[in-house]
């Protein structure tokens, strides 16, 4: 087990480890973990809404402890529409409506790209809530091109196991679950039947049989049934 899984609760957690603690990485609580059968298109919407909802709730809890209302101007979530409106409005004012529309589209595509990383690095994975995060709780893409372009974020499990490690010191976890090229995943993900049939299902079948704990296998079997996928664990 990785040392981060044994960290005492008194240790200062990095933002990613705080998120894992608060929102349950690879559990149903986690809006950044797409369930089996979900497409990238619906995930972009659900993950975006989930991240805003989770942040709003946590901001509300923090403000409540300080004696302020969730709707107070001190809630950092109010900055989101202000900043987005300023960027799009500024582009429109300076360069016209077409520039404003192009800016809005660029923001949307950037958001889709970011959520796409989450989609392909957590797709269909399962963890029992309260259990420690282990090496098999994220997909890794260790391609020679995607690693430098992604600044080693595709060495993804270390992103959750030990957020204190600088990106240039991350070591590839070759014995952890692997996905094919991130570029291939993105291309196939745009056509959900191809993604599910030729990449997601074979990789998750391997994950279920080789990596999942007995408790995770039970949850995986239920997730496969809910997605309408083959019950490969029943015949394993």
C-alpha atoms as a PDB file:
ATOM      1  CA  UNK A   1       0.000   0.000   0.000  1.00  0.00           C
ATOM      2  CA  UNK A   2       1.258   3.471  -0.890  1.00  0.00           C
ATOM      3  CA  UNK A   3       2.413   5.645   1.993  1.00  0.00           C
ATOM      4  CA  UNK A   4      -0.335   8.215   1.306  1.00  0.00           C
ATOM      5  CA  UNK A   5      -2.957   5.608   2.106  1.00  0.00           C
ATOM      6  CA  UNK A   6      -1.538   5.416   5.619  1.00  0.00           C
ATOM      7  CA  UNK A   7      -1.357   9.147   6.253  1.00  0.00           C
ATOM      8  CA  UNK A   8      -2.827  10.206   9.612  1.00  0.00           C
ATOM      9  CA  UNK A   9      -5.893  12.429   9.428  1.00  0.00           C
ATOM     10  CA  UNK A  10      -3.989  15.227  11.166  1.00  0.00           C
ATOM     11  CA  UNK A  11      -1.658  15.675   8.216  1.00  0.00           C
ATOM     12  CA  UNK A  12      -2.290  18.692   6.005  1.00  0.00           C
ATOM     13  CA  UNK A  13      -3.904  17.438   2.829  1.00  0.00           C
ATOM     14  CA  UNK A  14      -3.301  18.825  -0.643  1.00  0.00           C
ATOM     15  CA  UNK A  15      -6.327  20.168  -2.575  1.00  0.00           C
ATOM     16  CA  UNK A  16      -6.651  16.910  -4.515  1.00  0.00           C
ATOM     17  CA  UNK A  17      -6.445  14.795  -1.372  1.00  0.00           C
ATOM     18  CA  UNK A  18      -9.023  17.068   0.285  1.00  0.00           C
ATOM     19  CA  UNK A  19     -11.297  16.505  -2.687  1.00  0.00           C
ATOM     20  CA  UNK A  20     -10.794  12.745  -2.422  1.00  0.00           C
ATOM     21  CA  UNK A  21     -11.683  12.877   1.274  1.00  0.00           C
ATOM     22  CA  UNK A  22     -14.692  15.161   0.820  1.00  0.00           C
ATOM     23  CA  UNK A  23     -16.208  13.879  -2.393  1.00  0.00           C
ATOM     24  CA  UNK A  24     -15.267  10.192  -2.378  1.00  0.00           C
ATOM     25  CA  UNK A  25     -12.958   9.436  -5.299  1.00  0.00           C
ATOM     26  CA  UNK A  26     -14.418   6.642  -7.471  1.00  0.00           C
ATOM     27  CA  UNK A  27     -17.619   6.482  -5.404  1.00  0.00           C
ATOM     28  CA  UNK A  28     -21.144   7.574  -6.300  1.00  0.00           C
ATOM     29  CA  UNK A  29     -20.525  10.792  -4.361  1.00  0.00           C
ATOM     30  CA  UNK A  30     -17.812  11.858  -6.804  1.00  0.00           C
ATOM     31  CA  UNK A  31     -19.088  13.948  -9.716  1.00  0.00           C
ATOM     32  CA  UNK A  32     -15.685  13.572 -11.403  1.00  0.00           C
ATOM     33  CA  UNK A  33     -16.011   9.780 -11.697  1.00  0.00           C
ATOM     34  CA  UNK A  34     -18.250   8.819 -14.639  1.00  0.00           C
ATOM     35  CA  UNK A  35     -20.369   5.707 -14.028  1.00  0.00           C
ATOM     36  CA  UNK A  36     -20.247   2.847 -16.493  1.00  0.00           C
ATOM     37  CA  UNK A  37     -22.284   3.552 -19.584  1.00  0.00           C
ATOM     38  CA  UNK A  38     -22.123   7.354 -19.371  1.00  0.00           C
ATOM     39  CA  UNK A  39     -21.008   9.236 -22.489  1.00  0.00           C
ATOM     40  CA  UNK A  40     -18.449  12.009 -22.469  1.00  0.00           C
ATOM     41  CA  UNK A  41     -21.123  14.458 -23.613  1.00  0.00           C
ATOM     42  CA  UNK A  42     -23.434  13.942 -20.654  1.00  0.00           C
ATOM     43  CA  UNK A  43     -20.428  13.686 -18.324  1.00  0.00           C
ATOM     44  CA  UNK A  44     -19.193  17.165 -19.230  1.00  0.00           C
ATOM     45  CA  UNK A  45     -22.559  18.549 -18.138  1.00  0.00           C
ATOM     46  CA  UNK A  46     -22.984  16.420 -15.007  1.00  0.00           C
ATOM     47  CA  UNK A  47     -19.384  16.909 -13.849  1.00  0.00           C
ATOM     48  CA  UNK A  48     -19.572  20.660 -14.389  1.00  0.00           C
ATOM     49  CA  UNK A  49     -22.824  20.915 -12.453  1.00  0.00           C
ATOM     50  CA  UNK A  50     -21.467  18.592  -9.759  1.00  0.00           C
ATOM     51  CA  UNK A  51     -18.299  20.603  -9.259  1.00  0.00           C
ATOM     52  CA  UNK A  52     -20.267  23.838  -8.928  1.00  0.00           C
ATOM     53  CA  UNK A  53     -22.770  22.198  -6.548  1.00  0.00           C
ATOM     54  CA  UNK A  54     -20.046  20.691  -4.380  1.00  0.00           C
ATOM     55  CA  UNK A  55     -18.127  23.962  -4.237  1.00  0.00           C
ATOM     56  CA  UNK A  56     -21.294  25.907  -3.375  1.00  0.00           C
ATOM     57  CA  UNK A  57     -22.064  23.487  -0.529  1.00  0.00           C
ATOM     58  CA  UNK A  58     -18.549  23.632   0.896  1.00  0.00           C
ATOM     59  CA  UNK A  59     -18.446  27.404   0.600  1.00  0.00           C
ATOM     60  CA  UNK A  60     -21.760  27.517   2.450  1.00  0.00           C
ATOM     61  CA  UNK A  61     -20.430  25.326   5.251  1.00  0.00           C
ATOM     62  CA  UNK A  62     -17.329  27.488   5.594  1.00  0.00           C
ATOM     63  CA  UNK A  63     -19.314  30.726   5.613  1.00  0.00           C
ATOM     64  CA  UNK A  64     -21.793  29.284   8.112  1.00  0.00           C
ATOM     65  CA  UNK A  65     -18.960  28.579  10.548  1.00  0.00           C
ATOM     66  CA  UNK A  66     -17.900  32.206  10.143  1.00  0.00           C
ATOM     67  CA  UNK A  67     -21.424  33.441  10.833  1.00  0.00           C
ATOM     68  CA  UNK A  68     -22.286  34.452   7.254  1.00  0.00           C
ATOM     69  CA  UNK A  69     -25.049  33.362   4.883  1.00  0.00           C
ATOM     70  CA  UNK A  70     -24.333  31.047   1.950  1.00  0.00           C
ATOM     71  CA  UNK A  71     -25.683  33.824  -0.272  1.00  0.00           C
ATOM     72  CA  UNK A  72     -23.191  36.326   1.115  1.00  0.00           C
ATOM     73  CA  UNK A  73     -20.999  38.228  -1.332  1.00  0.00           C
ATOM     74  CA  UNK A  74     -18.107  36.492   0.431  1.00  0.00           C
ATOM     75  CA  UNK A  75     -19.040  33.228  -1.323  1.00  0.00           C
ATOM     76  CA  UNK A  76     -16.264  32.717  -3.882  1.00  0.00           C
ATOM     77  CA  UNK A  77     -18.726  31.114  -6.298  1.00  0.00           C
ATOM     78  CA  UNK A  78     -20.027  34.565  -7.197  1.00  0.00           C
ATOM     79  CA  UNK A  79     -16.689  35.175  -8.923  1.00  0.00           C
ATOM     80  CA  UNK A  80     -17.454  32.544 -11.560  1.00  0.00           C
ATOM     81  CA  UNK A  81     -20.235  34.348 -13.494  1.00  0.00           C
ATOM     82  CA  UNK A  82     -18.457  37.669 -12.978  1.00  0.00           C
ATOM     83  CA  UNK A  83     -15.181  36.426 -14.481  1.00  0.00           C
ATOM     84  CA  UNK A  84     -16.837  34.530 -17.338  1.00  0.00           C
ATOM     85  CA  UNK A  85     -19.083  37.472 -18.136  1.00  0.00           C
ATOM     86  CA  UNK A  86     -16.133  39.846 -18.062  1.00  0.00           C
ATOM     87  CA  UNK A  87     -14.093  37.702 -20.464  1.00  0.00           C
ATOM     88  CA  UNK A  88     -16.892  37.151 -22.976  1.00  0.00           C
ATOM     89  CA  UNK A  89     -18.201  40.703 -22.596  1.00  0.00           C
ATOM     90  CA  UNK A  90     -14.717  42.167 -22.985  1.00  0.00           C
ATOM     91  CA  UNK A  91     -14.107  40.192 -26.179  1.00  0.00           C
ATOM     92  CA  UNK A  92     -17.475  41.316 -27.541  1.00  0.00           C
ATOM     93  CA  UNK A  93     -16.842  44.938 -26.653  1.00  0.00           C
ATOM     94  CA  UNK A  94     -13.347  45.009 -28.118  1.00  0.00           C
ATOM     95  CA  UNK A  95     -13.812  42.866 -31.228  1.00  0.00           C
ATOM     96  CA  UNK A  96     -17.527  42.461 -31.851  1.00  0.00           C
ATOM     97  CA  UNK A  97     -20.212  39.768 -31.424  1.00  0.00           C
ATOM     98  CA  UNK A  98     -18.382  37.137 -33.467  1.00  0.00           C
ATOM     99  CA  UNK A  99     -15.372  37.417 -31.166  1.00  0.00           C
ATOM    100  CA  UNK A 100     -17.661  37.132 -28.154  1.00  0.00           C
ATOM    101  CA  UNK A 101     -19.259  33.961 -29.510  1.00  0.00           C
ATOM    102  CA  UNK A 102     -15.845  32.540 -30.416  1.00  0.00           C
ATOM    103  CA  UNK A 103     -14.627  33.252 -26.882  1.00  0.00           C
ATOM    104  CA  UNK A 104     -17.640  31.510 -25.353  1.00  0.00           C
ATOM    105  CA  UNK A 105     -17.083  28.491 -27.604  1.00  0.00           C
ATOM    106  CA  UNK A 106     -13.389  28.407 -26.678  1.00  0.00           C
ATOM    107  CA  UNK A 107     -14.288  28.438 -22.966  1.00  0.00           C
ATOM    108  CA  UNK A 108     -16.720  25.574 -23.495  1.00  0.00           C
ATOM    109  CA  UNK A 109     -14.167  23.524 -25.457  1.00  0.00           C
ATOM    110  CA  UNK A 110     -11.521  24.148 -22.802  1.00  0.00           C
ATOM    111  CA  UNK A 111     -13.943  22.972 -20.128  1.00  0.00           C
ATOM    112  CA  UNK A 112     -14.760  19.877 -22.195  1.00  0.00           C
ATOM    113  CA  UNK A 113     -11.050  19.125 -22.550  1.00  0.00           C
ATOM    114  CA  UNK A 114     -10.473  19.398 -18.801  1.00  0.00           C
ATOM    115  CA  UNK A 115     -13.468  17.216 -17.993  1.00  0.00           C
ATOM    116  CA  UNK A 116     -12.305  14.805 -20.694  1.00  0.00           C
ATOM    117  CA  UNK A 117      -9.164  14.159 -18.661  1.00  0.00           C
ATOM    118  CA  UNK A 118     -11.352  13.235 -15.690  1.00  0.00           C
ATOM    119  CA  UNK A 119     -13.579  11.100 -17.889  1.00  0.00           C
ATOM    120  CA  UNK A 120     -10.772   8.972 -19.278  1.00  0.00           C
ATOM    121  CA  UNK A 121      -8.757   8.759 -16.067  1.00  0.00           C
ATOM    122  CA  UNK A 122     -11.606   7.640 -13.806  1.00  0.00           C
ATOM    123  CA  UNK A 123     -14.113   6.047 -16.182  1.00  0.00           C
ATOM    124  CA  UNK A 124     -16.170   3.314 -14.550  1.00  0.00           C
ATOM    125  CA  UNK A 125     -13.823   2.797 -11.604  1.00  0.00           C
ATOM    126  CA  UNK A 126     -15.191   1.850  -8.206  1.00  0.00           C
ATOM    127  CA  UNK A 127     -14.038   2.249  -4.633  1.00  0.00           C
ATOM    128  CA  UNK A 128     -15.850   1.391  -1.432  1.00  0.00           C
ATOM    129  CA  UNK A 129     -16.467   4.619   0.454  1.00  0.00           C
ATOM    130  CA  UNK A 130     -14.115   4.912   3.408  1.00  0.00           C
ATOM    131  CA  UNK A 131     -11.570   2.467   2.004  1.00  0.00           C
ATOM    132  CA  UNK A 132      -8.066   3.844   1.280  1.00  0.00           C
ATOM    133  CA  UNK A 133      -7.160   4.985  -2.209  1.00  0.00           C
ATOM    134  CA  UNK A 134      -4.867   2.479  -3.891  1.00  0.00           C
ATOM    135  CA  UNK A 135      -2.972   2.150  -7.163  1.00  0.00           C
ATOM    136  CA  UNK A 136      -5.910   0.621  -9.006  1.00  0.00           C
ATOM    137  CA  UNK A 137      -8.219   3.594  -8.399  1.00  0.00           C
ATOM    138  CA  UNK A 138      -7.231   5.587 -11.487  1.00  0.00           C
ATOM    139  CA  UNK A 139      -6.417   4.874 -15.114  1.00  0.00           C
ATOM    140  CA  UNK A 140      -2.951   5.762 -16.356  1.00  0.00           C
ATOM    141  CA  UNK A 141      -1.918   6.758 -19.883  1.00  0.00           C
ATOM    142  CA  UNK A 142       1.829   6.262 -20.135  1.00  0.00           C
ATOM    143  CA  UNK A 143       2.346   7.143 -23.795  1.00  0.00           C
ATOM    144  CA  UNK A 144       5.598   8.828 -24.784  1.00  0.00           C
ATOM    145  CA  UNK A 145       3.682  11.793 -26.222  1.00  0.00           C
ATOM    146  CA  UNK A 146       0.798  12.205 -23.782  1.00  0.00           C
ATOM    147  CA  UNK A 147       3.057  12.207 -20.722  1.00  0.00           C
ATOM    148  CA  UNK A 148       5.083  15.340 -21.596  1.00  0.00           C
ATOM    149  CA  UNK A 149       2.104  17.113 -23.170  1.00  0.00           C
ATOM    150  CA  UNK A 150       0.003  16.426 -20.062  1.00  0.00           C
ATOM    151  CA  UNK A 151       2.902  17.412 -17.758  1.00  0.00           C
ATOM    152  CA  UNK A 152       2.733  13.908 -16.224  1.00  0.00           C
ATOM    153  CA  UNK A 153      -0.924  14.228 -15.194  1.00  0.00           C
ATOM    154  CA  UNK A 154      -1.449  11.024 -17.189  1.00  0.00           C
ATOM    155  CA  UNK A 155       0.698   9.356 -14.494  1.00  0.00           C
ATOM    156  CA  UNK A 156      -2.598   9.822 -12.829  1.00  0.00           C
ATOM    157  CA  UNK A 157      -2.777   7.624  -9.762  1.00  0.00           C
ATOM    158  CA  UNK A 158       0.164   9.469  -8.195  1.00  0.00           C
ATOM    159  CA  UNK A 159      -1.902  12.633  -8.577  1.00  0.00           C
ATOM    160  CA  UNK A 160      -4.206  11.171  -5.916  1.00  0.00           C
ATOM    161  CA  UNK A 161      -1.828   9.044  -3.865  1.00  0.00           C
ATOM    162  CA  UNK A 162       0.674  11.757  -3.056  1.00  0.00           C
ATOM    163  CA  UNK A 163      -0.198  15.276  -4.118  1.00  0.00           C
ATOM    164  CA  UNK A 164       2.997  16.642  -2.507  1.00  0.00           C
ATOM    165  CA  UNK A 165       5.212  15.057  -5.172  1.00  0.00           C
ATOM    166  CA  UNK A 166       6.321  17.559  -7.880  1.00  0.00           C
ATOM    167  CA  UNK A 167       5.250  16.532 -11.380  1.00  0.00           C
ATOM    168  CA  UNK A 168       8.852  16.047 -12.496  1.00  0.00           C
ATOM    169  CA  UNK A 169       9.414  13.446  -9.775  1.00  0.00           C
ATOM    170  CA  UNK A 170       6.373  11.306 -10.559  1.00  0.00           C
ATOM    171  CA  UNK A 171       7.293   7.753 -11.461  1.00  0.00           C
ATOM    172  CA  UNK A 172       5.237   5.677 -13.922  1.00  0.00           C
ATOM    173  CA  UNK A 173       3.177   2.994 -12.177  1.00  0.00           C
ATOM    174  CA  UNK A 174       3.468   0.276 -14.781  1.00  0.00           C
ATOM    175  CA  UNK A 175       1.712  -2.265 -12.560  1.00  0.00           C
ATOM    176  CA  UNK A 176      -1.347  -0.020 -12.142  1.00  0.00           C
ATOM    177  CA  UNK A 177      -4.373  -0.165 -14.508  1.00  0.00           C
ATOM    178  CA  UNK A 178      -3.540   1.216 -17.922  1.00  0.00           C
ATOM    179  CA  UNK A 179      -5.542   2.756 -20.738  1.00  0.00           C
ATOM    180  CA  UNK A 180      -4.315   3.015 -24.336  1.00  0.00           C
ATOM    181  CA  UNK A 181      -3.131   6.292 -25.827  1.00  0.00           C
ATOM    182  CA  UNK A 182      -4.981   9.276 -24.414  1.00  0.00           C
ATOM    183  CA  UNK A 183      -5.386  10.594 -27.963  1.00  0.00           C
ATOM    184  CA  UNK A 184      -7.029   7.333 -29.020  1.00  0.00           C
ATOM    185  CA  UNK A 185      -9.307   7.475 -25.987  1.00  0.00           C
ATOM    186  CA  UNK A 186     -10.399  11.013 -26.835  1.00  0.00           C
ATOM    187  CA  UNK A 187     -11.135  10.099 -30.454  1.00  0.00           C
ATOM    188  CA  UNK A 188     -13.075   6.965 -29.548  1.00  0.00           C
ATOM    189  CA  UNK A 189     -14.862   8.721 -26.705  1.00  0.00           C
ATOM    190  CA  UNK A 190     -16.456  11.072 -29.218  1.00  0.00           C
ATOM    191  CA  UNK A 191     -18.273   8.011 -30.626  1.00  0.00           C
ATOM    192  CA  UNK A 192     -19.668   6.359 -27.472  1.00  0.00           C
ATOM    193  CA  UNK A 193     -20.541   2.922 -28.984  1.00  0.00           C
ATOM    194  CA  UNK A 194     -16.952   2.531 -30.176  1.00  0.00           C
ATOM    195  CA  UNK A 195     -15.536   3.734 -26.845  1.00  0.00           C
ATOM    196  CA  UNK A 196     -17.702   1.386 -24.798  1.00  0.00           C
ATOM    197  CA  UNK A 197     -17.364  -1.678 -27.009  1.00  0.00           C
ATOM    198  CA  UNK A 198     -13.676  -1.633 -27.882  1.00  0.00           C
ATOM    199  CA  UNK A 199     -11.952   0.202 -25.018  1.00  0.00           C
ATOM    200  CA  UNK A 200     -14.052   0.760 -21.888  1.00  0.00           C
ATOM    201  CA  UNK A 201     -15.623  -2.681 -21.543  1.00  0.00           C
ATOM    202  CA  UNK A 202     -12.441  -4.723 -22.190  1.00  0.00           C
ATOM    203  CA  UNK A 203     -10.389  -2.559 -19.825  1.00  0.00           C
ATOM    204  CA  UNK A 204     -13.010  -2.628 -17.086  1.00  0.00           C
ATOM    205  CA  UNK A 205     -13.430  -6.379 -17.442  1.00  0.00           C
ATOM    206  CA  UNK A 206      -9.702  -6.692 -16.801  1.00  0.00           C
ATOM    207  CA  UNK A 207      -9.950  -4.222 -13.895  1.00  0.00           C
ATOM    208  CA  UNK A 208     -12.836  -6.106 -12.318  1.00  0.00           C
ATOM    209  CA  UNK A 209     -11.114  -9.475 -12.513  1.00  0.00           C
ATOM    210  CA  UNK A 210      -7.490  -8.513 -11.777  1.00  0.00           C
ATOM    211  CA  UNK A 211      -7.543  -5.392  -9.618  1.00  0.00           C
ATOM    212  CA  UNK A 212     -10.873  -4.998  -7.818  1.00  0.00           C
ATOM    213  CA  UNK A 213     -11.319  -6.163  -4.247  1.00  0.00           C
ATOM    214  CA  UNK A 214     -14.156  -8.637  -3.496  1.00  0.00           C
ATOM    215  CA  UNK A 215     -16.330  -5.783  -2.255  1.00  0.00           C
ATOM    216  CA  UNK A 216     -15.562  -3.706  -5.338  1.00  0.00           C
ATOM    217  CA  UNK A 217     -16.452  -6.652  -7.570  1.00  0.00           C
ATOM    218  CA  UNK A 218     -19.945  -6.733  -6.074  1.00  0.00           C
ATOM    219  CA  UNK A 219     -20.384  -3.039  -6.813  1.00  0.00           C
ATOM    220  CA  UNK A 220     -18.917  -3.520 -10.302  1.00  0.00           C
ATOM    221  CA  UNK A 221     -21.375  -6.329 -11.052  1.00  0.00           C
ATOM    222  CA  UNK A 222     -24.270  -4.047 -10.084  1.00  0.00           C
ATOM    223  CA  UNK A 223     -22.804  -1.188 -12.150  1.00  0.00           C
ATOM    224  CA  UNK A 224     -22.518  -3.447 -15.209  1.00  0.00           C
ATOM    225  CA  UNK A 225     -26.132  -4.509 -14.815  1.00  0.00           C
ATOM    226  CA  UNK A 226     -27.286  -0.906 -14.482  1.00  0.00           C
ATOM    227  CA  UNK A 227     -25.370   0.053 -17.643  1.00  0.00           C
ATOM    228  CA  UNK A 228     -26.843  -2.910 -19.543  1.00  0.00           C
ATOM    229  CA  UNK A 229     -23.399  -4.402 -20.024  1.00  0.00           C
ATOM    230  CA  UNK A 230     -22.430  -8.098 -20.052  1.00  0.00           C
ATOM    231  CA  UNK A 231     -22.176  -9.704 -16.616  1.00  0.00           C
ATOM    232  CA  UNK A 232     -18.607 -10.920 -17.050  1.00  0.00           C
ATOM    233  CA  UNK A 233     -18.038 -11.406 -13.323  1.00  0.00           C
ATOM    234  CA  UNK A 234     -20.854 -13.950 -13.191  1.00  0.00           C
ATOM    235  CA  UNK A 235     -18.982 -16.135 -15.670  1.00  0.00           C
ATOM    236  CA  UNK A 236     -15.472 -15.491 -14.340  1.00  0.00           C
END
